[in-house]
Amino acid sequence: MMSKPDLRSWIQSPGMALGMGMGMRTLLCTVLMLGLAPSAPAWSQTPANVKSITTTLVGSAARKECVNVTPQNRIHYWYRADAPVNFNIQYVQGKETLYPVKKDKLAIGSGSYQPKAAEVHCLVWTNLGRQPVTLSFEFARLGAN
């Protein structure tokens, strides 16, 4: 069983954090260079504000973590739960709540998001069932502050 990648090592060397061989690392580097992933400066930064939490979501409960971001930032996130959860990134603009990222019914997820507006964005995980769910997650805000 492969252990979860540590976000700090993932940002510094994505291929090594996942235990990839040289061929897979070369492929990953090619994908990064083609612009299918964050730009090189974001990956090369050492994150000063990585947040890593393990918690229990009781039946139908949600966990919300908010961060102030600008269009120059990128949010990298990773999560694992012992049962499927709903995940979204949301922010409020005027009287409307917008959901630029939504992932439903997944026990494992990761990705990155670059906001279009300078707003407080919240990462939200919701337990879908009645039984408690253990949730582990990490996220980091990268880029100019």
N, C-alpha and C. Protein backbone atom coordinates (compact mmCIF):
# COMPACT_ATOMS: atom_id res chain seq x y z
N MET A 1 0.85 -1.19 0.00
CA MET A 1 0.00 0.00 0.00
C MET A 1 0.88 1.24 0.00
N MET A 2 0.60 2.15 -0.89
CA MET A 2 1.42 3.37 -0.99
C MET A 2 0.91 4.39 0.02
N SER A 3 1.82 4.99 0.75
CA SER A 3 1.42 6.03 1.69
C SER A 3 1.15 7.32 0.93
N LYS A 4 0.43 8.22 1.57
CA LYS A 4 0.09 9.47 0.91
C LYS A 4 1.34 10.31 0.68
N PRO A 5 1.39 11.06 -0.44
CA PRO A 5 2.53 11.93 -0.66
C PRO A 5 2.47 13.12 0.29
N ASP A 6 3.60 13.49 0.82
CA ASP A 6 3.70 14.67 1.67
C ASP A 6 3.68 15.90 0.76
N LEU A 7 2.80 16.87 1.04
CA LEU A 7 2.63 18.03 0.16
C LEU A 7 3.93 18.80 -0.01
N ARG A 8 4.73 18.92 1.05
CA ARG A 8 6.00 19.65 0.93
C ARG A 8 6.93 18.98 -0.09
N SER A 9 7.08 17.66 -0.01
CA SER A 9 7.95 16.98 -0.95
C SER A 9 7.32 16.94 -2.35
N TRP A 10 5.99 16.87 -2.42
CA TRP A 10 5.31 16.89 -3.71
C TRP A 10 5.60 18.19 -4.44
N ILE A 11 5.55 19.32 -3.73
CA ILE A 11 5.79 20.62 -4.36
C ILE A 11 7.25 20.73 -4.80
N GLN A 12 8.16 20.20 -3.99
CA GLN A 12 9.58 20.30 -4.33
C GLN A 12 9.96 19.32 -5.44
N SER A 13 9.39 18.11 -5.47
CA SER A 13 9.72 17.11 -6.46
C SER A 13 8.55 16.15 -6.63
N PRO A 14 7.60 16.46 -7.49
CA PRO A 14 6.39 15.66 -7.59
C PRO A 14 6.63 14.19 -7.90
N GLY A 15 7.53 13.89 -8.78
CA GLY A 15 7.78 12.49 -9.15
C GLY A 15 8.38 11.69 -8.02
N MET A 16 9.34 12.26 -7.31
CA MET A 16 9.98 11.54 -6.22
C MET A 16 9.00 11.29 -5.08
N ALA A 17 8.11 12.23 -4.81
CA ALA A 17 7.16 12.08 -3.70
C ALA A 17 6.23 10.89 -3.94
N LEU A 18 5.96 10.57 -5.20
CA LEU A 18 5.08 9.45 -5.50
C LEU A 18 5.86 8.16 -5.75
N GLY A 19 7.18 8.21 -5.58
CA GLY A 19 7.98 7.02 -5.78
C GLY A 19 8.06 6.60 -7.24
N MET A 20 8.01 7.53 -8.15
CA MET A 20 8.04 7.22 -9.58
C MET A 20 9.44 6.89 -10.03
N GLY A 21 9.54 6.00 -11.01
CA GLY A 21 10.81 5.72 -11.64
C GLY A 21 11.18 6.84 -12.58
N MET A 22 12.37 6.74 -13.16
CA MET A 22 12.89 7.80 -14.03
C MET A 22 11.96 8.07 -15.21
N GLY A 23 11.37 7.03 -15.82
CA GLY A 23 10.48 7.23 -16.96
C GLY A 23 9.25 8.03 -16.59
N MET A 24 8.64 7.70 -15.46
CA MET A 24 7.46 8.43 -15.01
C MET A 24 7.81 9.87 -14.63
N ARG A 25 8.98 10.07 -14.01
CA ARG A 25 9.38 11.44 -13.66
C ARG A 25 9.59 12.25 -14.93
N THR A 26 10.17 11.64 -15.96
CA THR A 26 10.37 12.34 -17.23
C THR A 26 9.02 12.72 -17.83
N LEU A 27 8.07 11.79 -17.81
CA LEU A 27 6.73 12.08 -18.32
C LEU A 27 6.08 13.21 -17.52
N LEU A 28 6.19 13.16 -16.20
CA LEU A 28 5.61 14.20 -15.36
C LEU A 28 6.25 15.55 -15.67
N CYS A 29 7.58 15.59 -15.84
CA CYS A 29 8.25 16.85 -16.17
C CYS A 29 7.77 17.39 -17.51
N THR A 30 7.55 16.50 -18.48
CA THR A 30 7.04 16.92 -19.78
C THR A 30 5.65 17.54 -19.64
N VAL A 31 4.79 16.90 -18.86
CA VAL A 31 3.44 17.44 -18.62
C VAL A 31 3.53 18.82 -17.98
N LEU A 32 4.42 18.96 -16.99
CA LEU A 32 4.58 20.25 -16.33
C LEU A 32 5.06 21.32 -17.30
N MET A 33 6.01 20.97 -18.16
CA MET A 33 6.55 21.94 -19.10
C MET A 33 5.53 22.34 -20.16
N LEU A 34 4.60 21.45 -20.49
CA LEU A 34 3.58 21.76 -21.49
C LEU A 34 2.48 22.64 -20.94
N GLY A 35 2.55 22.96 -19.66
CA GLY A 35 1.57 23.86 -19.08
C GLY A 35 0.30 23.17 -18.62
N LEU A 36 0.33 21.84 -18.50
CA LEU A 36 -0.84 21.11 -18.03
C LEU A 36 -0.88 21.06 -16.52
N ALA A 37 0.07 21.70 -15.87
CA ALA A 37 0.14 21.77 -14.41
C ALA A 37 0.69 23.15 -14.07
N PRO A 38 0.77 23.51 -12.78
CA PRO A 38 1.22 24.84 -12.39
C PRO A 38 2.60 25.17 -12.97
N SER A 39 2.84 26.47 -13.13
CA SER A 39 4.11 26.93 -13.69
C SER A 39 5.27 26.58 -12.78
N ALA A 40 6.48 26.55 -13.33
CA ALA A 40 7.67 26.16 -12.58
C ALA A 40 7.88 26.99 -11.32
N PRO A 41 7.70 28.31 -11.34
CA PRO A 41 7.93 29.05 -10.10
C PRO A 41 7.07 28.59 -8.93
N ALA A 42 5.80 28.22 -9.19
CA ALA A 42 4.94 27.75 -8.10
C ALA A 42 5.45 26.43 -7.54
N TRP A 43 5.91 25.53 -8.40
CA TRP A 43 6.40 24.24 -7.93
C TRP A 43 7.71 24.37 -7.19
N SER A 44 8.54 25.33 -7.55
CA SER A 44 9.87 25.42 -6.95
C SER A 44 9.85 26.14 -5.61
N GLN A 45 8.76 26.79 -5.26
CA GLN A 45 8.68 27.49 -3.99
C GLN A 45 8.52 26.51 -2.85
N THR A 46 9.14 26.80 -1.72
CA THR A 46 8.89 26.03 -0.52
C THR A 46 7.71 26.67 0.18
N PRO A 47 6.62 25.93 0.37
CA PRO A 47 5.44 26.55 0.94
C PRO A 47 5.64 26.93 2.40
N ALA A 48 5.35 28.17 2.70
CA ALA A 48 5.49 28.65 4.07
C ALA A 48 4.23 28.37 4.86
N ASN A 49 3.13 28.15 4.18
CA ASN A 49 1.88 27.99 4.90
C ASN A 49 1.12 26.74 4.47
N VAL A 50 1.76 25.58 4.64
CA VAL A 50 1.07 24.32 4.40
C VAL A 50 0.28 23.99 5.65
N LYS A 51 -0.98 23.65 5.46
CA LYS A 51 -1.82 23.25 6.58
C LYS A 51 -2.14 21.77 6.41
N SER A 52 -1.90 20.99 7.45
CA SER A 52 -2.11 19.55 7.42
C SER A 52 -2.95 19.16 8.63
N ILE A 53 -4.10 18.51 8.38
CA ILE A 53 -5.04 18.19 9.46
C ILE A 53 -5.64 16.81 9.25
N THR A 54 -5.83 16.09 10.35
CA THR A 54 -6.63 14.87 10.37
C THR A 54 -7.75 15.12 11.37
N THR A 55 -8.98 14.83 10.95
CA THR A 55 -10.15 15.10 11.78
C THR A 55 -11.22 14.05 11.53
N THR A 56 -12.23 14.04 12.34
CA THR A 56 -13.37 13.15 12.16
C THR A 56 -14.60 13.99 11.85
N LEU A 57 -15.27 13.61 10.76
CA LEU A 57 -16.53 14.25 10.40
C LEU A 57 -17.66 13.34 10.87
N VAL A 58 -18.46 13.79 11.81
CA VAL A 58 -19.60 13.00 12.25
C VAL A 58 -20.63 12.98 11.13
N GLY A 59 -21.67 12.17 11.28
CA GLY A 59 -22.68 12.02 10.23
C GLY A 59 -23.19 13.33 9.67
N SER A 60 -23.12 13.50 8.36
CA SER A 60 -23.59 14.67 7.61
C SER A 60 -22.89 15.98 7.97
N ALA A 61 -21.77 15.91 8.69
CA ALA A 61 -21.04 17.13 9.07
C ALA A 61 -20.11 17.58 7.95
N ALA A 62 -19.67 18.83 8.05
CA ALA A 62 -18.74 19.41 7.08
C ALA A 62 -17.56 20.03 7.81
N ARG A 63 -16.43 20.11 7.11
CA ARG A 63 -15.24 20.80 7.61
C ARG A 63 -14.90 21.87 6.60
N LYS A 64 -14.70 23.10 7.09
CA LYS A 64 -14.41 24.24 6.21
C LYS A 64 -13.10 24.87 6.64
N GLU A 65 -12.21 25.10 5.68
CA GLU A 65 -10.95 25.81 5.89
C GLU A 65 -10.88 26.93 4.87
N CYS A 66 -10.72 28.16 5.35
CA CYS A 66 -10.74 29.32 4.46
C CYS A 66 -9.37 29.99 4.39
N VAL A 67 -9.08 30.56 3.24
CA VAL A 67 -7.81 31.23 3.02
C VAL A 67 -8.05 32.43 2.10
N ASN A 68 -7.38 33.53 2.40
CA ASN A 68 -7.47 34.74 1.59
C ASN A 68 -6.51 34.60 0.42
N VAL A 69 -7.00 34.69 -0.80
CA VAL A 69 -6.16 34.50 -1.98
C VAL A 69 -6.39 35.61 -3.00
N THR A 70 -5.43 35.73 -3.90
CA THR A 70 -5.50 36.67 -5.02
C THR A 70 -5.29 35.89 -6.31
N PRO A 71 -5.52 36.51 -7.47
CA PRO A 71 -5.25 35.81 -8.72
C PRO A 71 -3.78 35.41 -8.91
N GLN A 72 -2.88 35.98 -8.14
CA GLN A 72 -1.46 35.60 -8.22
C GLN A 72 -1.16 34.35 -7.39
N ASN A 73 -2.12 33.88 -6.63
CA ASN A 73 -1.94 32.69 -5.79
C ASN A 73 -2.45 31.45 -6.51
N ARG A 74 -2.05 30.32 -5.97
CA ARG A 74 -2.57 29.02 -6.39
C ARG A 74 -2.74 28.20 -5.13
N ILE A 75 -3.85 27.51 -5.02
CA ILE A 75 -4.10 26.63 -3.87
C ILE A 75 -3.87 25.19 -4.33
N HIS A 76 -2.94 24.50 -3.68
CA HIS A 76 -2.71 23.07 -3.91
C HIS A 76 -3.37 22.33 -2.77
N TYR A 77 -4.09 21.24 -3.07
CA TYR A 77 -4.78 20.51 -2.01
C TYR A 77 -4.71 19.01 -2.27
N TRP A 78 -4.82 18.26 -1.18
CA TRP A 78 -4.82 16.80 -1.20
C TRP A 78 -5.70 16.35 -0.05
N TYR A 79 -6.50 15.30 -0.26
CA TYR A 79 -7.28 14.76 0.85
C TYR A 79 -7.54 13.27 0.67
N ARG A 80 -7.78 12.62 1.81
CA ARG A 80 -8.14 11.21 1.84
C ARG A 80 -9.10 11.00 2.99
N ALA A 81 -10.17 10.26 2.73
CA ALA A 81 -11.16 9.94 3.76
C ALA A 81 -11.40 8.43 3.72
N ASP A 82 -11.89 7.89 4.82
CA ASP A 82 -12.13 6.44 4.83
C ASP A 82 -13.52 6.08 4.29
N ALA A 83 -14.22 7.06 3.73
CA ALA A 83 -15.47 6.86 2.99
C ALA A 83 -15.61 8.06 2.04
N PRO A 84 -16.39 7.92 0.99
CA PRO A 84 -16.54 9.05 0.06
C PRO A 84 -17.09 10.30 0.74
N VAL A 85 -16.56 11.44 0.32
CA VAL A 85 -17.00 12.75 0.80
C VAL A 85 -17.23 13.66 -0.40
N ASN A 86 -17.99 14.71 -0.21
CA ASN A 86 -18.10 15.77 -1.22
C ASN A 86 -17.06 16.82 -0.88
N PHE A 87 -16.42 17.37 -1.90
CA PHE A 87 -15.41 18.42 -1.72
C PHE A 87 -15.73 19.56 -2.66
N ASN A 88 -15.53 20.78 -2.17
CA ASN A 88 -15.64 21.93 -3.06
C ASN A 88 -14.76 23.07 -2.55
N ILE A 89 -14.45 23.95 -3.48
CA ILE A 89 -13.83 25.23 -3.13
C ILE A 89 -14.89 26.26 -3.47
N GLN A 90 -15.17 27.15 -2.51
CA GLN A 90 -16.24 28.12 -2.69
C GLN A 90 -15.81 29.50 -2.23
N TYR A 91 -16.47 30.51 -2.78
CA TYR A 91 -16.29 31.87 -2.31
C TYR A 91 -17.57 32.65 -2.57
N VAL A 92 -17.72 33.74 -1.84
CA VAL A 92 -18.93 34.56 -1.95
C VAL A 92 -18.59 35.83 -2.73
N GLN A 93 -19.41 36.11 -3.73
CA GLN A 93 -19.27 37.33 -4.52
C GLN A 93 -20.63 38.02 -4.51
N GLY A 94 -20.69 39.16 -3.82
CA GLY A 94 -21.98 39.82 -3.62
C GLY A 94 -22.85 38.97 -2.72
N LYS A 95 -24.02 38.57 -3.22
CA LYS A 95 -24.92 37.71 -2.45
C LYS A 95 -24.90 36.27 -2.94
N GLU A 96 -23.99 35.96 -3.88
CA GLU A 96 -23.97 34.64 -4.49
C GLU A 96 -22.74 33.84 -4.04
N THR A 97 -22.95 32.56 -3.70
CA THR A 97 -21.85 31.65 -3.40
C THR A 97 -21.48 30.92 -4.68
N LEU A 98 -20.20 31.04 -5.07
CA LEU A 98 -19.70 30.41 -6.30
C LEU A 98 -18.85 29.20 -5.94
N TYR A 99 -18.90 28.17 -6.79
CA TYR A 99 -18.20 26.91 -6.56
C TYR A 99 -17.30 26.60 -7.76
N PRO A 100 -16.09 27.16 -7.82
CA PRO A 100 -15.23 26.91 -8.97
C PRO A 100 -14.69 25.48 -9.03
N VAL A 101 -14.67 24.76 -7.89
CA VAL A 101 -14.21 23.37 -7.85
C VAL A 101 -15.25 22.56 -7.09
N LYS A 102 -15.71 21.46 -7.69
CA LYS A 102 -16.65 20.54 -7.03
C LYS A 102 -16.24 19.12 -7.39
N LYS A 103 -16.06 18.29 -6.35
CA LYS A 103 -15.76 16.87 -6.55
C LYS A 103 -16.67 16.10 -5.60
N ASP A 104 -17.58 15.33 -6.16
CA ASP A 104 -18.56 14.62 -5.35
C ASP A 104 -18.23 13.14 -5.21
N LYS A 105 -18.51 12.62 -4.02
CA LYS A 105 -18.44 11.19 -3.71
C LYS A 105 -17.08 10.58 -3.99
N LEU A 106 -16.01 11.23 -3.52
CA LEU A 106 -14.65 10.70 -3.66
C LEU A 106 -14.00 10.53 -2.29
N ALA A 107 -13.27 9.44 -2.12
CA ALA A 107 -12.55 9.22 -0.87
C ALA A 107 -11.13 9.77 -0.94
N ILE A 108 -10.62 9.97 -2.15
CA ILE A 108 -9.27 10.51 -2.36
C ILE A 108 -9.35 11.57 -3.44
N GLY A 109 -8.70 12.70 -3.21
CA GLY A 109 -8.70 13.75 -4.22
C GLY A 109 -7.51 14.66 -4.06
N SER A 110 -7.14 15.32 -5.14
CA SER A 110 -6.06 16.30 -5.11
C SER A 110 -6.20 17.20 -6.32
N GLY A 111 -5.51 18.31 -6.26
CA GLY A 111 -5.53 19.22 -7.39
C GLY A 111 -4.98 20.58 -7.01
N SER A 112 -5.14 21.50 -7.92
CA SER A 112 -4.74 22.87 -7.66
C SER A 112 -5.78 23.79 -8.30
N TYR A 113 -5.84 24.97 -7.76
CA TYR A 113 -6.83 25.94 -8.22
C TYR A 113 -6.21 27.33 -8.16
N GLN A 114 -6.37 28.08 -9.25
CA GLN A 114 -5.91 29.47 -9.29
C GLN A 114 -7.13 30.37 -9.37
N PRO A 115 -7.35 31.19 -8.33
CA PRO A 115 -8.56 32.03 -8.30
C PRO A 115 -8.53 33.12 -9.36
N LYS A 116 -9.70 33.53 -9.77
CA LYS A 116 -9.83 34.64 -10.72
C LYS A 116 -10.07 35.96 -10.01
N ALA A 117 -10.44 35.88 -8.73
CA ALA A 117 -10.76 37.09 -7.96
C ALA A 117 -10.07 37.04 -6.60
N ALA A 118 -9.73 38.22 -6.08
CA ALA A 118 -9.15 38.32 -4.75
C ALA A 118 -10.30 38.24 -3.74
N GLU A 119 -10.47 37.08 -3.18
CA GLU A 119 -11.57 36.81 -2.24
C GLU A 119 -11.09 35.78 -1.22
N VAL A 120 -11.83 35.64 -0.16
CA VAL A 120 -11.62 34.53 0.77
C VAL A 120 -12.25 33.30 0.14
N HIS A 121 -11.44 32.27 -0.11
CA HIS A 121 -11.91 31.02 -0.68
C HIS A 121 -11.90 29.96 0.42
N CYS A 122 -12.91 29.12 0.44
CA CYS A 122 -13.02 28.07 1.46
C CYS A 122 -13.00 26.70 0.80
N LEU A 123 -12.21 25.80 1.37
CA LEU A 123 -12.20 24.40 0.98
C LEU A 123 -13.15 23.70 1.94
N VAL A 124 -14.12 22.95 1.40
CA VAL A 124 -15.16 22.34 2.23
C VAL A 124 -15.29 20.85 1.89
N TRP A 125 -15.21 20.01 2.94
CA TRP A 125 -15.42 18.58 2.82
C TRP A 125 -16.69 18.24 3.59
N THR A 126 -17.59 17.43 3.00
CA THR A 126 -18.85 17.08 3.64
C THR A 126 -19.01 15.56 3.69
N ASN A 127 -19.29 15.05 4.89
CA ASN A 127 -19.57 13.64 5.08
C ASN A 127 -20.95 13.35 4.50
N LEU A 128 -21.04 12.34 3.64
CA LEU A 128 -22.29 12.01 2.98
C LEU A 128 -23.18 11.06 3.78
N GLY A 129 -22.56 10.35 4.74
CA GLY A 129 -23.31 9.32 5.45
C GLY A 129 -23.61 9.67 6.89
N ARG A 130 -24.13 8.67 7.59
CA ARG A 130 -24.48 8.84 8.99
C ARG A 130 -23.36 8.43 9.92
N GLN A 131 -22.44 7.60 9.42
CA GLN A 131 -21.32 7.12 10.23
C GLN A 131 -20.18 8.14 10.19
N PRO A 132 -19.40 8.25 11.28
CA PRO A 132 -18.24 9.16 11.28
C PRO A 132 -17.22 8.76 10.20
N VAL A 133 -16.57 9.75 9.64
CA VAL A 133 -15.56 9.54 8.60
C VAL A 133 -14.28 10.25 9.05
N THR A 134 -13.15 9.54 8.98
CA THR A 134 -11.86 10.16 9.25
C THR A 134 -11.37 10.81 7.97
N LEU A 135 -11.00 12.08 8.07
CA LEU A 135 -10.55 12.87 6.93
C LEU A 135 -9.17 13.42 7.22
N SER A 136 -8.24 13.19 6.30
CA SER A 136 -6.91 13.81 6.37
C SER A 136 -6.77 14.69 5.15
N PHE A 137 -6.26 15.91 5.37
CA PHE A 137 -6.07 16.80 4.22
C PHE A 137 -4.89 17.73 4.45
N GLU A 138 -4.35 18.20 3.34
CA GLU A 138 -3.29 19.20 3.34
C GLU A 138 -3.61 20.19 2.24
N PHE A 139 -3.29 21.45 2.48
CA PHE A 139 -3.38 22.43 1.41
C PHE A 139 -2.35 23.52 1.65
N ALA A 140 -2.00 24.18 0.56
CA ALA A 140 -1.01 25.26 0.63
C ALA A 140 -1.41 26.36 -0.33
N ARG A 141 -1.17 27.58 0.09
CA ARG A 141 -1.37 28.74 -0.79
C ARG A 141 0.02 29.12 -1.29
N LEU A 142 0.20 29.11 -2.61
CA LEU A 142 1.49 29.44 -3.20
C LEU A 142 1.37 30.67 -4.08
N GLY A 143 2.47 31.32 -4.32
CA GLY A 143 2.49 32.47 -5.20
C GLY A 143 2.67 33.76 -4.42
N ALA A 144 2.60 34.86 -5.16
CA ALA A 144 2.78 36.19 -4.56
C ALA A 144 1.67 36.48 -3.55
N ASN A 145 2.02 37.08 -2.46
CA ASN A 145 1.03 37.41 -1.43
C ASN A 145 0.63 38.86 -1.51
